[in-house]
Amino acid sequence: MKIKDLVNYWDKHARGRLTRDAYYANLSDQHRKRLEKLAALYPMKSTQDLMRDLISAALDELETSFPYVQGSKVVAFDEDGFEIYEDSGMTPRFISLSQKHIQELKARQLESVA
């Protein structure tokens, strides 16, 4: 999700699971005031919800901004028959680590329910 898409997202109901882990951040006075103004625009959203959504959108945007680094392995061919090489940059590593941490969170949630 892009930052610019957040307004549309906030106008609809959010879906998905939340972890039980809490993270705390100290904001500058300027950012705190901006967050309060945003909360005034969306009174049905808590500042925690807004911060969570902003961080989530920033992480999604970060993932898509990693530059493609051509690897040496051909993984596919395009419609014109040209070779498509694996990405050996940050994206595959980031996705792999994300999946690993998601599985760990799911396992912890299952343990806490049992």
Protein backbone atom coordinates (compact mmCIF):
# COMPACT_ATOMS: atom_id res chain seq x y z
CA MET A 1 0.00 0.00 0.00
CA LYS A 2 1.31 3.44 -0.84
CA ILE A 3 1.14 6.36 1.54
CA LYS A 4 -1.16 8.17 -0.90
CA ASP A 5 -3.60 5.22 -0.72
CA LEU A 6 -4.04 5.48 3.05
CA VAL A 7 -6.93 7.95 2.88
CA ASN A 8 -8.95 5.49 0.79
CA TYR A 9 -7.94 2.70 3.15
CA TRP A 10 -9.00 4.69 6.21
CA ASP A 11 -12.34 5.41 4.63
CA LYS A 12 -13.05 1.66 4.53
CA HIS A 13 -12.97 -1.01 7.21
CA ALA A 14 -9.56 -2.49 7.93
CA ARG A 15 -8.98 -6.20 7.80
CA GLY A 16 -6.21 -8.47 8.96
CA ARG A 17 -4.70 -9.79 12.13
CA LEU A 18 -2.88 -7.74 14.67
CA THR A 19 -0.07 -9.04 16.80
CA ARG A 20 -0.18 -8.70 20.55
CA ASP A 21 3.24 -7.07 20.45
CA ALA A 22 3.27 -3.35 21.18
CA TYR A 23 5.87 -0.94 19.89
CA TYR A 24 6.46 2.52 21.27
CA ALA A 25 7.96 5.51 19.51
CA ASN A 26 8.81 8.98 20.70
CA LEU A 27 7.68 11.51 18.12
CA SER A 28 9.00 15.00 17.60
CA ASP A 29 6.62 17.79 18.56
CA GLN A 30 6.06 18.52 14.87
CA HIS A 31 5.11 14.92 14.07
CA ARG A 32 2.94 14.62 17.16
CA LYS A 33 0.99 17.72 16.11
CA ARG A 34 0.58 16.39 12.58
CA LEU A 35 -0.67 13.08 13.96
CA GLU A 36 -3.18 14.92 16.15
CA LYS A 37 -4.43 16.86 13.13
CA LEU A 38 -4.83 13.62 11.21
CA ALA A 39 -6.71 12.09 14.14
CA ALA A 40 -9.05 15.09 14.10
CA LEU A 41 -9.80 14.36 10.43
CA TYR A 42 -10.54 10.71 11.25
CA PRO A 43 -12.13 10.70 14.71
CA MET A 44 -13.11 7.02 14.41
CA LYS A 45 -9.41 6.09 14.20
CA SER A 46 -7.18 6.17 17.24
CA THR A 47 -3.72 7.69 16.98
CA GLN A 48 -2.36 4.17 17.46
CA ASP A 49 -4.40 2.96 14.46
CA LEU A 50 -3.15 5.85 12.37
CA MET A 51 0.46 5.23 13.35
CA ARG A 52 0.10 1.52 12.62
CA ASP A 53 -1.35 2.23 9.18
CA LEU A 54 1.30 4.81 8.38
CA ILE A 55 4.11 2.45 9.36
CA SER A 56 2.51 -0.40 7.43
CA ALA A 57 2.19 1.73 4.29
CA ALA A 58 5.76 3.00 4.66
CA LEU A 59 7.09 -0.56 4.96
CA ASP A 60 5.09 -1.65 1.89
CA GLU A 61 6.43 1.30 -0.06
CA LEU A 62 9.97 0.61 1.16
CA GLU A 63 9.74 -2.97 -0.09
CA THR A 64 8.73 -1.84 -3.57
CA SER A 65 11.48 0.79 -3.66
CA PHE A 66 14.37 -1.65 -3.33
CA PRO A 67 16.33 -1.54 -6.58
CA TYR A 68 16.37 -4.58 -8.83
CA VAL A 69 19.83 -6.15 -8.97
CA GLN A 70 20.23 -8.61 -11.82
CA GLY A 71 21.47 -11.97 -10.67
CA SER A 72 23.15 -14.65 -12.76
CA LYS A 73 20.29 -17.18 -12.82
CA VAL A 74 17.61 -17.08 -15.52
CA VAL A 75 14.22 -17.59 -13.85
CA ALA A 76 11.85 -17.00 -16.77
CA PHE A 77 11.44 -15.66 -20.28
CA ASP A 78 9.27 -12.72 -21.28
CA GLU A 79 6.71 -12.74 -24.10
CA ASP A 80 9.45 -11.84 -26.62
CA GLY A 81 11.68 -14.70 -25.47
CA PHE A 82 14.17 -12.52 -23.61
CA GLU A 83 15.68 -13.88 -20.43
CA ILE A 84 14.49 -12.63 -17.05
CA TYR A 85 17.13 -12.92 -14.36
CA GLU A 86 16.60 -13.43 -10.65
CA ASP A 87 16.70 -10.41 -8.40
CA SER A 88 19.78 -10.67 -6.21
CA GLY A 89 19.11 -7.37 -4.46
CA MET A 90 17.39 -6.61 -1.17
CA THR A 91 13.83 -7.54 -2.23
CA PRO A 92 14.14 -11.36 -2.06
CA ARG A 93 15.92 -11.18 1.29
CA PHE A 94 13.35 -8.77 2.70
CA ILE A 95 10.46 -10.99 1.53
CA SER A 96 12.14 -14.10 2.95
CA LEU A 97 12.69 -12.46 6.34
CA SER A 98 9.13 -11.10 6.33
CA GLN A 99 7.71 -14.57 5.71
CA LYS A 100 9.91 -16.04 8.42
CA HIS A 101 8.74 -13.49 10.99
CA ILE A 102 5.08 -13.91 9.97
CA GLN A 103 5.35 -17.66 10.57
CA GLU A 104 6.95 -17.02 13.98
CA LEU A 105 4.13 -14.62 14.91
CA LYS A 106 1.48 -17.13 13.82
CA ALA A 107 3.16 -19.87 15.87
CA ARG A 108 3.24 -17.61 18.96
CA GLN A 109 -0.43 -16.74 18.51
CA LEU A 110 -1.34 -20.40 18.28
CA GLU A 111 0.67 -21.16 21.43
CA SER A 112 -1.09 -18.40 23.36
CA VAL A 113 -4.52 -19.73 22.35
CA ALA A 114 -3.74 -23.30 23.36
